[in-house]
């Protein structure tokens, strides 16, 4: 397990025109789990999230609500997006807003550099634009409208009519980077993950790249083009630069050089921006490419991608208010293969909470600690002679740590949890088979009882360390009850299997309390 490496992970910066839903939260939690794990590996870790606050969609929303765009974004960030950090128990190192001066300075500087290098030019332009995507749509993403929009051309993603824009814009010479991008993808097969996403991007680039319009003149909510303030910078060109503006590009070179490059965790619907446009921008500026781009799947509700108009949009607090943030984090990281689409249902969440968290992990911890208190007055007993059953638990602890770390390295979070959960299951089976409550009835078997409970306590300590990136609140409670010394967040993944106990244990309250209220039914999309 590497120790002391640098790890920089980002989420997309989220558009603030609406409140966050569980799709946003899914990305946030994935990046947070990776960051927490790498911190516990001993890596120099930096985790970034934030908000994208420029563009036509924001301007229209603000106008509709009778406020300025800045007032509108300030309100949304304060009331919806910053509270999400607490709702999900995120441990991000920074939160960037594209309306901050540090970001706008970076955008201006970066654009000037590209202009001086000859990568920017002015030209007339006409194309169909989707305000929802904030993107001129390629032919492959334009479909014929139906129903109220019959006879119109609509966005394949938003199913809303496209707008024909005719402007004189500034363009970035994206087409010049086609061969260099393909060379990057070929030389670094893991640069874009998963494999299906890589194949999609490579096919798109091979089909030919067109230069990118990077300014707008029909509205003024955005960063001004530094040499022509009648233009504002295209919102995506602006937004992508957050990944370097937040770590001091052009202003704090020591921090930037120590932190960059980043692993970008994004939804598959914005993969092309990150895997094509963003690396080309960096190449033009002479900046190394990102460490990687991981495009995860969509969350499906009722078999469809979440949509408030179809009654399938679910806010994170609807889940955390009932089950807590740990259960939220565990469920979405465990139940969905990271990189593929995954279906959410209240019924599955409730079943997994009860079976895996409450009965599987929580009950195991409570039973073992209660028996140490009952049979040894809270003092952790000494290990005696080990049997094959005891050694199997020790071996499983080592295996869980090693295989989970390898899974995190390949960004397979669900696989990592599955490896750790084998230890949960084997410890439960071990307690059932060893029957410590029977061993406690006879003085002659007390030494065996001591070994069984000491083995189980060591396993629980390893679980607290290994599961801390996923369920930090429950693991902190367990760590305290085990008498763990030092900060749990500073315990090394590589040392999890070597934890031997800390002398005494204390009574442990239920890690995942019984939930008495009924959960909602999973909504059925309109028209289903």
Protein backbone atom coordinates (compact mmCIF):
# COMPACT_ATOMS: atom_id res chain seq x y z
CA UNK A 1 0.00 0.00 0.00
CA UNK A 2 1.66 3.29 -1.08
CA UNK A 3 2.18 5.89 1.64
CA UNK A 4 2.99 9.54 1.26
CA UNK A 5 1.84 10.00 -2.33
CA UNK A 6 -0.17 13.00 -3.52
CA UNK A 7 -3.89 12.58 -4.22
CA UNK A 8 -6.13 15.38 -5.48
CA UNK A 9 -9.79 14.52 -6.12
CA UNK A 10 -12.59 16.76 -7.39
CA UNK A 11 -16.31 16.65 -7.93
CA UNK A 12 -17.84 18.72 -10.71
CA UNK A 13 -18.84 22.16 -9.57
CA UNK A 14 -22.60 21.97 -9.52
CA UNK A 15 -24.96 24.35 -11.26
CA UNK A 16 -26.85 26.28 -8.57
CA UNK A 17 -30.05 27.00 -10.48
CA UNK A 18 -31.86 24.33 -8.46
CA UNK A 19 -31.53 22.50 -5.16
CA UNK A 20 -29.28 19.43 -4.94
CA UNK A 21 -30.75 15.96 -5.44
CA UNK A 22 -29.34 12.53 -4.66
CA UNK A 23 -27.55 12.42 -8.02
CA UNK A 24 -25.38 15.36 -6.94
CA UNK A 25 -24.96 13.77 -3.52
CA UNK A 26 -23.84 10.47 -5.07
CA UNK A 27 -20.88 12.19 -6.76
CA UNK A 28 -20.04 14.15 -3.62
CA UNK A 29 -19.98 11.04 -1.41
CA UNK A 30 -17.87 9.04 -3.89
CA UNK A 31 -15.19 11.72 -3.98
CA UNK A 32 -15.32 12.08 -0.20
CA UNK A 33 -14.88 8.34 0.38
CA UNK A 34 -11.86 8.31 -1.93
CA UNK A 35 -10.36 11.35 -0.19
CA UNK A 36 -10.89 9.94 3.31
CA UNK A 37 -9.38 6.62 2.29
CA UNK A 38 -6.31 8.26 0.79
CA UNK A 39 -5.83 10.37 3.90
CA UNK A 40 -5.84 7.17 5.94
CA UNK A 41 -3.24 5.74 3.55
CA UNK A 42 -1.00 8.62 4.54
CA UNK A 43 -1.25 10.34 1.16
CA UNK A 44 -1.09 14.14 0.89
CA UNK A 45 -4.74 14.57 0.00
CA UNK A 46 -6.79 17.49 -1.30
CA UNK A 47 -10.52 17.29 -1.95
CA UNK A 48 -12.44 19.98 -3.85
CA UNK A 49 -16.09 20.64 -4.54
CA UNK A 50 -18.04 23.80 -5.29
CA UNK A 51 -20.61 25.60 -7.40
CA UNK A 52 -20.89 26.84 -10.98
CA UNK A 53 -22.69 30.20 -10.90
CA UNK A 54 -22.40 31.83 -14.33
CA UNK A 55 -24.29 31.34 -17.58
CA UNK A 56 -27.60 32.03 -19.26
CA UNK A 57 -29.60 29.55 -17.21
CA UNK A 58 -28.62 31.29 -13.95
CA UNK A 59 -29.41 34.71 -15.41
CA UNK A 60 -32.88 33.60 -16.49
CA UNK A 61 -33.62 32.00 -13.11
CA UNK A 62 -32.53 35.13 -11.27
CA UNK A 63 -34.63 37.37 -13.53
CA UNK A 64 -37.65 35.12 -13.03
CA UNK A 65 -37.22 35.48 -9.26
CA UNK A 66 -36.80 39.26 -9.38
CA UNK A 67 -33.22 39.41 -8.08
CA UNK A 68 -29.74 39.95 -9.51
CA UNK A 69 -27.76 36.86 -10.56
CA UNK A 70 -25.31 37.39 -7.66
CA UNK A 71 -28.13 37.69 -5.14
CA UNK A 72 -29.70 34.56 -6.60
CA UNK A 73 -26.50 32.49 -6.48
CA UNK A 74 -25.61 33.73 -2.98
CA UNK A 75 -29.03 32.62 -1.75
CA UNK A 76 -28.87 29.21 -3.38
CA UNK A 77 -25.33 28.50 -2.20
CA UNK A 78 -26.14 29.51 1.38
CA UNK A 79 -29.52 27.80 1.61
CA UNK A 80 -28.99 24.66 -0.48
CA UNK A 81 -25.44 23.84 -1.53
CA UNK A 82 -23.30 24.61 1.51
CA UNK A 83 -25.75 22.78 3.82
CA UNK A 84 -25.26 19.70 1.63
CA UNK A 85 -21.72 19.41 3.00
CA UNK A 86 -23.11 18.89 6.50
CA UNK A 87 -26.01 16.72 5.35
CA UNK A 88 -23.59 14.22 3.79
CA UNK A 89 -20.84 14.66 6.41
CA UNK A 90 -18.29 15.66 3.77
CA UNK A 91 -14.68 16.40 4.69
CA UNK A 92 -13.71 18.47 1.64
CA UNK A 93 -10.65 20.71 1.89
CA UNK A 94 -12.04 23.55 -0.23
CA UNK A 95 -15.29 24.84 -1.71
CA UNK A 96 -14.87 26.92 -4.85
CA UNK A 97 -17.44 29.32 -6.31
CA UNK A 98 -16.99 30.63 -9.85
CA UNK A 99 -18.08 34.07 -8.66
CA UNK A 100 -15.05 34.33 -6.37
CA UNK A 101 -12.30 36.77 -7.33
CA UNK A 102 -9.61 34.09 -7.13
CA UNK A 103 -11.43 32.09 -9.79
CA UNK A 104 -12.23 35.01 -12.07
CA UNK A 105 -8.58 36.13 -11.96
CA UNK A 106 -7.50 32.66 -13.01
CA UNK A 107 -9.99 32.57 -15.92
CA UNK A 108 -8.76 35.93 -17.23
CA UNK A 109 -5.12 34.93 -16.88
CA UNK A 110 -5.65 31.56 -18.55
CA UNK A 111 -7.58 33.07 -21.46
CA UNK A 112 -4.92 35.73 -22.01
CA UNK A 113 -2.24 33.02 -22.09
CA UNK A 114 -4.13 31.02 -24.71
CA UNK A 115 -4.79 34.14 -26.77
CA UNK A 116 -1.13 35.15 -26.75
CA UNK A 117 -0.19 31.59 -27.75
CA UNK A 118 -2.47 31.84 -30.80
CA UNK A 119 -5.15 29.39 -29.72
CA UNK A 120 -8.00 31.96 -29.73
CA UNK A 121 -9.62 33.62 -32.75
CA UNK A 122 -12.84 35.49 -33.61
CA UNK A 123 -15.49 34.24 -36.04
CA UNK A 124 -19.17 34.38 -36.83
CA UNK A 125 -21.18 31.45 -35.56
CA UNK A 126 -24.67 29.99 -35.87
CA UNK A 127 -25.86 26.84 -34.12
CA UNK A 128 -28.62 25.29 -32.02
CA UNK A 129 -28.10 25.90 -28.29
CA UNK A 130 -29.52 24.11 -25.24
CA UNK A 131 -29.77 26.44 -22.25
CA UNK A 132 -30.19 23.45 -19.91
CA UNK A 133 -26.89 21.92 -21.06
CA UNK A 134 -25.31 25.36 -21.67
CA UNK A 135 -23.98 23.83 -24.88
CA UNK A 136 -24.24 24.09 -28.64
CA UNK A 137 -25.60 20.67 -29.51
CA UNK A 138 -23.98 18.29 -32.01
CA UNK A 139 -26.29 16.58 -34.51
CA UNK A 140 -26.10 13.35 -32.50
CA UNK A 141 -27.85 15.07 -29.56
CA UNK A 142 -30.62 16.80 -31.54
CA UNK A 143 -33.93 14.95 -31.90
CA UNK A 144 -37.40 15.73 -33.23
CA UNK A 145 -39.81 17.08 -30.65
CA UNK A 146 -43.03 15.30 -29.69
CA UNK A 147 -46.25 16.41 -28.05
CA UNK A 148 -46.23 20.13 -27.34
CA UNK A 149 -42.85 20.41 -29.10
CA UNK A 150 -43.79 18.50 -32.25
CA UNK A 151 -42.12 19.97 -35.32
CA UNK A 152 -39.30 21.51 -33.28
CA UNK A 153 -35.73 20.38 -32.73
CA UNK A 154 -35.15 19.47 -29.09
CA UNK A 155 -32.24 18.46 -26.87
CA UNK A 156 -31.93 14.68 -26.55
CA UNK A 157 -31.08 15.10 -22.85
CA UNK A 158 -33.60 17.74 -21.71
CA UNK A 159 -36.35 17.14 -24.33
CA UNK A 160 -36.80 20.91 -24.65
CA UNK A 161 -36.62 23.07 -27.79
CA UNK A 162 -33.20 24.29 -28.86
CA UNK A 163 -32.50 27.95 -29.54
CA UNK A 164 -30.82 29.14 -32.74
CA UNK A 165 -28.00 31.49 -31.76
CA UNK A 166 -26.19 33.70 -34.25
CA UNK A 167 -23.17 35.49 -32.79
CA UNK A 168 -19.66 36.65 -33.48
CA UNK A 169 -17.72 34.72 -30.86
CA UNK A 170 -14.20 33.90 -29.81
CA UNK A 171 -13.16 30.34 -30.54
CA UNK A 172 -10.64 27.93 -29.01
CA UNK A 173 -8.72 25.88 -31.60
CA UNK A 174 -9.91 22.54 -30.19
CA UNK A 175 -9.56 20.83 -33.58
CA UNK A 176 -5.78 21.17 -33.37
CA UNK A 177 -5.68 18.79 -30.41
CA UNK A 178 -7.40 15.78 -31.95
CA UNK A 179 -4.23 13.75 -32.52
CA UNK A 180 -2.67 14.77 -29.19
CA UNK A 181 -5.82 13.72 -27.33
CA UNK A 182 -5.90 10.33 -29.05
CA UNK A 183 -2.23 9.88 -28.21
CA UNK A 184 -3.02 10.66 -24.57
CA UNK A 185 -5.85 8.11 -24.47
CA UNK A 186 -3.67 5.45 -26.13
CA UNK A 187 -0.65 6.02 -23.92
CA UNK A 188 -2.71 6.05 -20.73
CA UNK A 189 -5.46 3.41 -21.01
CA UNK A 190 -6.75 4.21 -17.52
CA UNK A 191 -6.96 7.96 -18.14
CA UNK A 192 -10.70 7.67 -18.81
CA UNK A 193 -12.68 5.16 -16.77
CA UNK A 194 -14.66 2.97 -16.96
CA UNK A 195 -13.73 1.27 -20.24
CA UNK A 196 -17.11 1.98 -21.85
CA UNK A 197 -16.63 5.70 -21.20
CA UNK A 198 -13.14 5.58 -22.69
CA UNK A 199 -14.43 3.88 -25.84
CA UNK A 200 -17.20 6.46 -26.20
CA UNK A 201 -14.80 9.40 -25.90
CA UNK A 202 -12.25 7.92 -28.29
CA UNK A 203 -14.96 7.29 -30.87
CA UNK A 204 -16.16 10.88 -30.53
CA UNK A 205 -12.66 12.33 -30.97
CA UNK A 206 -11.85 10.05 -33.91
CA UNK A 207 -14.98 11.32 -35.68
CA UNK A 208 -13.39 14.79 -35.80
CA UNK A 209 -13.26 17.79 -33.48
CA UNK A 210 -14.58 21.24 -34.25
CA UNK A 211 -13.26 24.45 -32.74
CA UNK A 212 -15.11 25.50 -29.59
CA UNK A 213 -17.02 28.76 -29.19
CA UNK A 214 -15.82 30.14 -25.86
CA UNK A 215 -17.61 33.50 -25.56
CA UNK A 216 -21.13 34.90 -25.61
CA UNK A 217 -22.51 38.38 -26.33
CA UNK A 218 -26.26 37.87 -25.87
CA UNK A 219 -26.01 38.16 -22.06
CA UNK A 220 -23.50 39.56 -19.58
CA UNK A 221 -23.57 37.24 -16.54
CA UNK A 222 -20.10 35.72 -16.57
CA UNK A 223 -16.38 36.46 -16.54
CA UNK A 224 -15.51 39.19 -19.05
CA UNK A 225 -13.15 38.29 -21.87
CA UNK A 226 -10.10 40.30 -20.73
CA UNK A 227 -9.35 41.99 -24.07
CA UNK A 228 -12.99 42.47 -25.13
CA UNK A 229 -15.48 43.11 -22.33
CA UNK A 230 -18.44 43.01 -24.72
CA UNK A 231 -18.02 39.21 -24.45
CA UNK A 232 -18.36 36.92 -21.45
CA UNK A 233 -16.54 33.60 -21.23
CA UNK A 234 -18.56 30.49 -22.14
CA UNK A 235 -19.75 28.97 -18.88
CA UNK A 236 -18.12 25.55 -19.41
CA UNK A 237 -14.75 27.06 -20.36
CA UNK A 238 -15.02 29.17 -17.21
CA UNK A 239 -16.19 26.32 -14.98
CA UNK A 240 -13.56 23.75 -15.92
CA UNK A 241 -10.84 26.11 -14.74
CA UNK A 242 -12.06 25.78 -11.14
CA UNK A 243 -9.88 22.70 -10.77
CA UNK A 244 -6.75 24.81 -11.06
CA UNK A 245 -8.03 28.17 -9.77
CA UNK A 246 -8.80 26.56 -6.40
CA UNK A 247 -5.23 25.38 -5.93
CA UNK A 248 -3.54 28.63 -6.84
CA UNK A 249 -2.67 28.38 -10.53
CA UNK A 250 -0.65 31.44 -11.47
CA UNK A 251 -0.71 32.80 -7.91
CA UNK A 252 0.56 30.08 -5.57
CA UNK A 253 2.86 27.96 -7.69
CA UNK A 254 4.23 25.91 -4.80
CA UNK A 255 0.75 24.79 -3.75
CA UNK A 256 -0.32 24.20 -7.35
CA UNK A 257 2.72 22.10 -8.18
CA UNK A 258 2.35 20.06 -4.99
CA UNK A 259 -1.34 19.36 -5.64
CA UNK A 260 -1.92 19.00 -9.39
CA UNK A 261 -2.86 16.75 -11.23
CA UNK A 262 -6.38 15.80 -10.13
CA UNK A 263 -8.64 12.81 -10.44
CA UNK A 264 -12.01 14.14 -11.64
CA UNK A 265 -15.15 12.27 -10.54
CA UNK A 266 -18.00 13.28 -12.86
CA UNK A 267 -21.37 12.06 -14.09
CA UNK A 268 -21.29 10.41 -17.50
CA UNK A 269 -23.44 13.17 -18.98
CA UNK A 270 -20.58 15.66 -18.62
CA UNK A 271 -17.79 13.25 -19.48
CA UNK A 272 -17.04 14.83 -22.87
CA UNK A 273 -16.34 18.25 -21.38
CA UNK A 274 -13.85 16.74 -18.95
CA UNK A 275 -12.22 14.12 -21.16
CA UNK A 276 -11.97 16.15 -24.39
CA UNK A 277 -12.23 19.92 -23.89
CA UNK A 278 -10.47 20.10 -20.52
CA UNK A 279 -7.29 18.15 -21.43
CA UNK A 280 -7.03 20.15 -24.67
CA UNK A 281 -7.26 23.41 -22.71
CA UNK A 282 -4.48 22.21 -20.43
CA UNK A 283 -2.31 21.12 -23.35
CA UNK A 284 -2.69 24.56 -24.90
CA UNK A 285 -1.52 26.16 -21.65
CA UNK A 286 1.38 23.75 -21.14
CA UNK A 287 -0.16 22.21 -18.02
CA UNK A 288 0.02 18.44 -17.40
CA UNK A 289 -3.16 16.46 -18.09
CA UNK A 290 -5.36 15.39 -15.16
CA UNK A 291 -4.54 12.22 -13.26
CA UNK A 292 -7.73 10.71 -14.63
CA UNK A 293 -11.40 11.14 -15.46
CA UNK A 294 -13.95 8.76 -13.97
CA UNK A 295 -17.46 8.99 -15.42
CA UNK A 296 -19.95 7.29 -13.12
CA UNK A 297 -23.44 6.23 -14.14
CA UNK A 298 -26.81 7.79 -13.48
CA UNK A 299 -29.07 7.14 -10.53
CA UNK A 300 -32.36 5.75 -11.78
CA UNK A 301 -35.64 6.05 -9.92
CA UNK A 302 -38.55 4.01 -11.16
CA UNK A 303 -36.34 2.89 -14.04
CA UNK A 304 -35.67 6.43 -15.29
CA UNK A 305 -33.02 9.10 -14.72
CA UNK A 306 -34.15 11.38 -11.90
CA UNK A 307 -36.39 14.26 -12.91
CA UNK A 308 -38.41 16.63 -10.75
CA UNK A 309 -40.91 17.09 -13.55
CA UNK A 310 -41.54 13.34 -13.46
CA UNK A 311 -41.77 13.28 -9.64
CA UNK A 312 -38.59 11.24 -9.29
CA UNK A 313 -36.27 13.95 -7.94
CA UNK A 314 -35.26 13.09 -4.37
CA UNK A 315 -33.45 15.50 -2.06
CA UNK A 316 -30.67 14.03 0.12
CA UNK A 317 -32.35 15.18 3.34
CA UNK A 318 -35.37 13.02 2.55
CA UNK A 319 -33.04 10.08 3.16
CA UNK A 320 -30.66 11.42 5.80
CA UNK A 321 -33.47 12.73 8.01
CA UNK A 322 -34.71 9.14 8.34
CA UNK A 323 -31.62 6.94 8.02
CA UNK A 324 -28.72 9.31 8.77
CA UNK A 325 -25.72 10.30 6.66
CA UNK A 326 -23.78 7.08 7.31
CA UNK A 327 -26.56 4.95 5.86
CA UNK A 328 -26.82 7.28 2.87
CA UNK A 329 -23.10 7.02 2.22
CA UNK A 330 -23.01 3.25 2.71
CA UNK A 331 -26.05 2.49 0.59
CA UNK A 332 -25.08 4.42 -2.52
CA UNK A 333 -21.46 3.30 -2.41
CA UNK A 334 -22.36 -0.35 -1.74
CA UNK A 335 -25.54 -1.00 -3.73
CA UNK A 336 -24.42 0.49 -7.06
CA UNK A 337 -21.44 -0.71 -9.07
CA UNK A 338 -19.41 2.47 -9.40
CA UNK A 339 -19.27 3.41 -13.07
CA UNK A 340 -22.61 1.91 -14.05
CA UNK A 341 -26.18 3.17 -13.84
CA UNK A 342 -27.90 2.11 -10.63
CA UNK A 343 -31.48 2.02 -9.44
CA UNK A 344 -32.57 3.58 -6.18
CA UNK A 345 -35.58 2.38 -4.24
CA UNK A 346 -36.73 3.16 -0.73
CA UNK A 347 -37.50 -0.51 -0.23
CA UNK A 348 -33.93 -1.60 -1.04
CA UNK A 349 -32.45 1.13 1.13
CA UNK A 350 -34.62 0.11 4.08
CA UNK A 351 -33.82 -3.59 3.63
CA UNK A 352 -30.07 -3.00 3.43
CA UNK A 353 -30.13 -0.67 6.42
CA UNK A 354 -31.77 -3.34 8.54
CA UNK A 355 -29.92 -6.41 7.28
CA UNK A 356 -26.43 -5.08 6.62
CA UNK A 357 -25.95 -2.05 8.87
CA UNK A 358 -28.21 -2.63 11.88
CA UNK A 359 -28.12 -6.43 12.11
CA UNK A 360 -24.84 -7.13 10.32
CA UNK A 361 -22.35 -4.51 11.51
CA UNK A 362 -24.14 -2.72 14.35
CA UNK A 363 -25.37 -5.82 16.18
CA UNK A 364 -21.97 -7.49 15.84
CA UNK A 365 -20.25 -4.55 17.51
CA UNK A 366 -22.85 -4.30 20.31
CA UNK A 367 -22.77 -8.04 21.07
CA UNK A 368 -19.00 -8.35 21.24
CA UNK A 369 -18.49 -5.27 23.40
CA UNK A 370 -21.38 -6.26 25.70
CA UNK A 371 -19.81 -9.70 26.24
CA UNK A 372 -16.41 -8.20 27.08
CA UNK A 373 -18.13 -5.98 29.65
CA UNK A 374 -20.20 -8.87 31.04
CA UNK A 375 -17.53 -11.56 31.19
CA UNK A 376 -14.35 -9.51 31.75
CA UNK A 377 -15.67 -6.35 33.38
CA UNK A 378 -14.74 -4.34 30.27
CA UNK A 379 -11.07 -5.34 30.18
CA UNK A 380 -10.00 -6.65 26.80
CA UNK A 381 -8.69 -10.19 27.42
CA UNK A 382 -5.38 -11.54 26.23
CA UNK A 383 -5.08 -13.77 23.19
CA UNK A 384 -4.27 -17.36 24.02
CA UNK A 385 -3.42 -20.24 21.75
CA UNK A 386 -4.94 -19.66 18.34
CA UNK A 387 -7.13 -22.19 16.58
CA UNK A 388 -7.70 -22.40 12.85
CA UNK A 389 -10.93 -20.42 13.34
CA UNK A 390 -9.09 -17.59 15.08
CA UNK A 391 -6.35 -17.51 12.47
CA UNK A 392 -8.97 -17.38 9.73
CA UNK A 393 -10.34 -14.14 11.20
CA UNK A 394 -6.85 -12.65 11.42
CA UNK A 395 -6.13 -13.68 7.84
CA UNK A 396 -9.44 -12.25 6.66
CA UNK A 397 -8.60 -8.94 8.35
CA UNK A 398 -5.33 -8.73 6.44
CA UNK A 399 -7.02 -9.73 3.20
CA UNK A 400 -9.82 -7.20 3.67
CA UNK A 401 -7.36 -4.34 4.13
CA UNK A 402 -5.18 -5.35 1.18
CA UNK A 403 -7.98 -6.09 -1.30
CA UNK A 404 -10.06 -3.07 -0.32
CA UNK A 405 -7.05 -0.82 -0.85
CA UNK A 406 -6.45 -2.36 -4.26
CA UNK A 407 -10.11 -1.77 -5.15
CA UNK A 408 -9.89 1.89 -4.13
CA UNK A 409 -6.77 2.22 -6.29
CA UNK A 410 -8.83 1.19 -9.32
CA UNK A 411 -11.75 3.40 -8.17
CA UNK A 412 -14.03 0.44 -7.46
CA UNK A 413 -15.61 1.68 -4.23
CA UNK A 414 -18.34 -0.97 -4.12
CA UNK A 415 -15.71 -3.70 -4.50
CA UNK A 416 -13.74 -2.23 -1.60
CA UNK A 417 -16.79 -2.28 0.66
CA UNK A 418 -17.60 -5.84 -0.42
CA UNK A 419 -14.11 -6.97 0.65
CA UNK A 420 -14.46 -5.27 4.04
CA UNK A 421 -17.94 -6.71 4.49
CA UNK A 422 -16.54 -10.23 4.16
CA UNK A 423 -14.88 -9.54 7.50
CA UNK A 424 -18.20 -8.40 8.98
CA UNK A 425 -19.88 -11.59 7.80
CA UNK A 426 -17.04 -13.86 8.91
CA UNK A 427 -16.91 -12.25 12.36
CA UNK A 428 -20.65 -12.82 12.75
CA UNK A 429 -20.22 -16.44 11.72
CA UNK A 430 -17.23 -16.80 14.06
CA UNK A 431 -19.22 -15.58 17.07
CA UNK A 432 -22.12 -17.90 16.22
CA UNK A 433 -19.82 -20.93 15.85
CA UNK A 434 -17.61 -20.24 18.90
CA UNK A 435 -20.60 -19.58 21.20
CA UNK A 436 -18.80 -17.38 23.78
CA UNK A 437 -21.93 -17.37 25.97
CA UNK A 438 -21.47 -21.14 26.34
CA UNK A 439 -17.73 -20.85 26.97
CA UNK A 440 -18.48 -18.38 29.77
CA UNK A 441 -20.39 -20.99 31.77
CA UNK A 442 -17.32 -23.08 32.59
CA UNK A 443 -14.10 -21.93 34.25
CA UNK A 444 -12.14 -24.46 32.22
CA UNK A 445 -13.16 -22.76 28.97
CA UNK A 446 -12.54 -19.19 30.19
CA UNK A 447 -9.12 -19.04 28.44
CA UNK A 448 -10.82 -20.03 25.21
CA UNK A 449 -13.49 -17.38 25.85
CA UNK A 450 -10.72 -14.80 26.28
CA UNK A 451 -9.14 -15.67 22.94
CA UNK A 452 -12.46 -15.61 21.10
CA UNK A 453 -13.43 -12.18 22.42
CA UNK A 454 -9.91 -10.77 21.98
CA UNK A 455 -9.95 -11.94 18.35
CA UNK A 456 -13.38 -10.37 17.84
CA UNK A 457 -12.29 -7.07 19.42
CA UNK A 458 -9.30 -6.89 17.12
CA UNK A 459 -11.59 -7.50 14.16
CA UNK A 460 -13.90 -4.70 15.28
CA UNK A 461 -10.96 -2.32 15.56
CA UNK A 462 -9.93 -3.16 12.02
CA UNK A 463 -13.51 -2.58 10.85
CA UNK A 464 -13.61 0.83 12.54
CA UNK A 465 -10.47 1.83 10.63
CA UNK A 466 -11.46 0.36 7.27
CA UNK A 467 -15.08 1.53 7.29
CA UNK A 468 -14.31 5.01 8.59
CA UNK A 469 -14.14 6.54 5.08
CA UNK A 470 -17.62 5.18 4.37
CA UNK A 471 -19.49 5.44 7.70
CA UNK A 472 -17.43 7.89 9.77
CA UNK A 473 -20.03 8.67 12.45
CA UNK A 474 -20.70 5.04 13.37
CA UNK A 475 -17.00 4.17 13.21
CA UNK A 476 -16.07 7.03 15.53
CA UNK A 477 -18.62 5.77 18.08
CA UNK A 478 -17.19 2.27 17.77
CA UNK A 479 -13.61 3.55 18.06
CA UNK A 480 -14.46 5.39 21.27
CA UNK A 481 -16.21 2.34 22.74
CA UNK A 482 -13.17 0.20 21.88
CA UNK A 483 -10.93 2.67 23.71
CA UNK A 484 -9.08 3.45 20.51
CA UNK A 485 -6.21 5.86 21.03
CA UNK A 486 -5.66 8.87 18.82
CA UNK A 487 -7.83 10.20 16.02
CA UNK A 488 -9.58 7.48 14.03
CA UNK A 489 -9.09 9.50 10.84
CA UNK A 490 -5.32 9.26 11.39
CA UNK A 491 -5.24 5.47 11.70
CA UNK A 492 -3.48 3.95 8.71
CA UNK A 493 -5.28 1.53 6.40
CA UNK A 494 -2.11 -0.57 6.19
CA UNK A 495 -2.06 -0.97 9.98
CA UNK A 496 -5.71 -1.93 10.42
CA UNK A 497 -4.98 -5.64 10.77
CA UNK A 498 -2.31 -4.98 13.39
CA UNK A 499 -4.59 -3.21 15.90
CA UNK A 500 -4.59 -5.28 19.10
CA UNK A 501 -7.05 -3.45 21.33
CA UNK A 502 -6.56 -0.67 23.83
CA UNK A 503 -7.08 -2.21 27.26
CA UNK A 504 -10.73 -1.52 28.02
CA UNK A 505 -14.04 -1.14 26.26
CA UNK A 506 -17.08 0.94 27.14
CA UNK A 507 -20.77 0.38 26.55
CA UNK A 508 -21.77 1.00 22.95
CA UNK A 509 -25.08 2.57 21.96
CA UNK A 510 -26.72 1.18 18.82
CA UNK A 511 -24.69 2.25 15.79
CA UNK A 512 -27.73 1.99 13.53
CA UNK A 513 -30.90 2.38 15.61
CA UNK A 514 -34.17 0.74 14.72
CA UNK A 515 -36.29 2.87 12.37
CA UNK A 516 -39.97 2.70 13.19
CA UNK A 517 -41.43 5.09 10.63
CA UNK A 518 -42.51 3.80 7.25
CA UNK A 519 -40.39 4.79 4.28
CA UNK A 520 -42.04 6.35 1.23
CA UNK A 521 -42.89 4.28 -1.79
CA UNK A 522 -40.50 4.69 -4.70
CA UNK A 523 -42.20 7.14 -7.10
CA UNK A 524 -43.40 6.00 -10.50
CA UNK A 525 -42.51 8.42 -13.32
CA UNK A 526 -45.34 10.22 -15.08
CA UNK A 527 -46.51 8.30 -18.09
CA UNK A 528 -45.07 5.02 -16.84
